[in-house]
Amino acid sequence: MGSLIRVAALLVMTAVVAAQPADLRARVGAYVEAHQKQIVGELLELLAIPNVAADRSNIRRNAEHLHGLLGRHGLTADILETAGNPLVYGALDVPGATRTVLFYCHYDGQPVDAAKWNQPDPFKPVLRGEGKDARIYARSASDDKSPIVALVAALDALKAAGLAPSSNVRIILDGEEEASSPSLVPAIARYKDRLRADLMVILDGPAHSSGRPTLVYGARGIATLDLTVFGPKSGVHSGNYGNWMPNPALRLAALLASMKDDDGRVLVAGYYDAVAPLTAEERAMLDAVPDDSARMLEAFGVARPEKAYPRLQDALQQPTLNIRGLASSFVGAGARTIVPDRATAALDLRLVKETPAPDLVAKLRAHIEKQGFHLVDADPDAATRAKYGKLARLTMTGPVMNAFRTPTSDPQARAILASMTKTFGQPPVQLRMLGGSVPIAPFIEALGFPALLVPIVNFDNNQHEENENLRLGAFFDGIVTIAAVLRM
């Protein structure tokens, strides 16, 4: 059976290579060059609409704008209502096509702290620089509005070249991805018939730092938690009671330090036990990824990576335990001389396919208890405070996104790989896993198709941070990459 699958995959690849125009890159690139002003203008217009998921009125404006955008570019468009923010849907049927590809992007973005941006308003895009090195600075410039505009531009470029996509096209645009997509799973069941496909392609995340086209076979999942350590029932004077009253901030710091060693490996018992070893093919794929560590470290302003995983690709294959925020009483000008009543760490656990959230959370709870803490489900009452010397609470703070991973041997994956290789004259950078999380596992579980990521934006885009940006050269090259996927 294995040999038959390999033969079928090779036949698919051969057919794709034969059908793909040798000059697809040049033809699409020429269209993009001639229409840069129009394409960038559409992106700037979209970026000017605020898109924080909790801002329901502006999210609706985004949905309506995108509905019109898809329609203007030749797709049958619709707004699919959910219990939360709407999905935007597009469809294009291609005569003779025997495959349907569902493209996923999201149009919501992270909240902003406008005072920390180098411009008056993160939702008023600013263009800095010249030529292909110029960058657009705005919230969601890279995550994830630019891939939406790149997708419709790729469809336009193919049409102008007299070429049709080789697959029926479906597009789903999510308005809650940055809020963990709580309305998406029920919507999948509700709109199942519209979402049926042979393959899902996710246009999200950064391309490899080399700038080469990138094909990704999976993404880690995520679970978010708050860990709170309790002290006195209210803050007390640090002069009168310091050295005597247990300090929850210090206890929390020690507890967090017990979870990882100095090299960066998680010390929670059994945390890595279920992770599958790499196959020889997967090891070769990871080893083939260009190592651009020095450039990335310089870009991020860090001298060296964690010792446990000096190579980024190896780090991405493992679950993580990350401290994403700390809080205890007041700091800065408002700081008080007290022993605080509590201290909280916001955590995120990045999951791989073999490590579901319930398993890792159970191991984390056991670790906390092993350090002498009694775990509570709510603020402790007087009786609990009198009985236990060390009190903590571990609370899930959002929906869990599971990890997914598509085998490199999948025929659809092989077809995309062949098309990208033909278009660019060399294979794309292939990544086994993307470090970030996308809400794709429910699609795979409910609809049964494989999923791949084709990220197109520059790696140093500051996504989720202040001064998020998009390098125009990466954006224009990304349009060609998406055209190659459309012609798979």
Foldseek 3Di string as FASTA:
>chain_A
DVVVLLVVLVVLLVVLLVQFPLALLVLLLVLCVVCVVVLVVLLQVLLLQAAAQVPQVSLVVSQVSVQVVLVVLPWNWDWADWPGRIKIKTWDADPPAPFEEEEEAASHAFDDDQVPFPDNALSNWDWDDDDLQIKIWHTCQVRPRLVSSLLSSLCVSCVVVVHFFNHIYMYIYHRCFVQVRPGPLVVCVVPVVRRFGQEYEYAGDAADQVLFWEKEFKAWWKFKKKKKWFWPQFWDACVVQPPNTDFQVVVVVVLVPQQADQLAHGPLPPQFVQQDDDDPVQVVLLVPFDQPPVVVCVLVVHDADRNVPRGPLVVLSGKHKDFPDKDFQDDDPPDDRTRGGMIMTMIMITHAQRDDPVNNVVSSVVSSVVVQEDEDDDPDDPVVVVPGPIYMYMGTDHDIAHMDGDDCSDSLNSSLQSLSCSRVVHGTRYGRYDHDTGRCVSVCVVNVHGYMYGYQFNNSQQGSHHRGMGRNNSSSVVSSSSSSSSSD
